[in-house]
């Protein structure tokens, strides 16, 4: 869609643009009012030597004090409202969100406004939040979350040398050197009206929205920094990085960048592929059935065509992590070490079958029907509906539910299989494993095997026959293609 210089209203899903500031408004009768302010800037704007700056800046705004109130005073003021104000930072979006009862809206908004427009920049808040960010990397991500660690390392490898080439939470060495002045400068440069999308839903009065727009017109109009351009380097040969860690199981993340995002012609087709092959936290996906369902190897096996952080916590994809470049990913965890090499070969073997054979007609129809209903789950609350509407504005598409349902109704199996052949592949992969005994795993996954597997109960003859093929399947890794990095060096 094209935004005019003064005013454009899109009545089909309640959006309007005004001056430099965009607005997503979903008025209704609910006594709960949701505020969601999204700045279309984030970690991709971190200076190369200061990864983590965007996230720490947002955390300082949402988790620090204002000019006139300390952090503790804000917490105490929010408590009787049963409300909070949170932040989320990704590569191209920074989100501040919260909700409150209409009776508390004035008092709540005064705090919300002051936190974003009149930050206190106190030294004690800065030290506390910086320490939290460092501990989150060292203890939370590297110490306790193998699946998230693997996925973030994969993306850092896929986008190395681009603005996406670092984890949005940054690196320990960078965080240790950041100063309050760094945060102030990032805030001053990137928190502008041109980046801002004001989202509001619930039973608010029209004049309240005008008040928000008027208040945030105090921000600078435009960001002088150039727009982010992401051009991931092509992968010439399948390669792997093993993060060596003292852990009981092996976590795999693998994939490659794809030139498809919401609004592109092949997005609906790949949405069907994602669901058929590995719907998140669902047992009906092909990967889940072949790896866990039939063979009982591990816990979960899923596929993604969009960035999906915090997958171990969430049943549904989080909104407002929109990106101008996406990657096809497979997530496999946990695999016991004796089965780890076989499991990797099986996943790539299934991906190769998908590319060669496509989706059967019956599975296409079943998956399309599932997605036509599942899309309603994604926007089942006003909060979610508001967030998805903001993403739709970013991508330039209509209401997400309408967009997906209309596209699915027109979609054919032939179009899906054509999109598979065009965008997916089983070679030239980036593979990340989080594992103990990295040299042993490297030896097992390079070359053509064989990898064996033993079961605790009898399996059908056709599965045992397939296992022999899978065990010798060459995923394309040579010894020189595998790098081993100690976990304490990752994001350090």
Foldseek 3Di string as FASTA:
>chain_A
DDADQAWDADVQQQWMDGHLATEREAEDAFQKKKKKKKFQAAQLPADPLAAQLRVLLLCQLQQAAFQVDGNVRLVVLCVVQVKGWDWDGAHGMIMIIMMGGNVCVVVVVVRVLRSLPGGNLDPVSSVVSLVVLLCCQPCVQLNPPFQLVQVQVQQLVQQPPFSSNHGNNFFNVNSVPDDSVSSVVCSLQRLANNRIYIYMYYNDDPVVVVVVVVSRNPHHHDHPDDDGDGDGDFQPFEFEEEAADPDQFKKKKKWHWWQDDPPDLCVLLVVLVQQQQFQQPDCNHPLNCLQCVQFNFFDGKGKDFADAHPSVPDRDGDFRNDDNITIIMMIDDGGGVLCVLLSVLVSLVVLACCLVPNDDQVSSVVSLVVVLVVVCVQCVDVVSQRRQCVVCVVVVHRRPSVSNNVSSVPDDSVSSNVVSNVTHDSISMYMYMYYHPVVVSLVQQAAQAQRADDGPDDHDPVSVVVSRVSSRRRSRDHSVRYHYHHSVVGSD
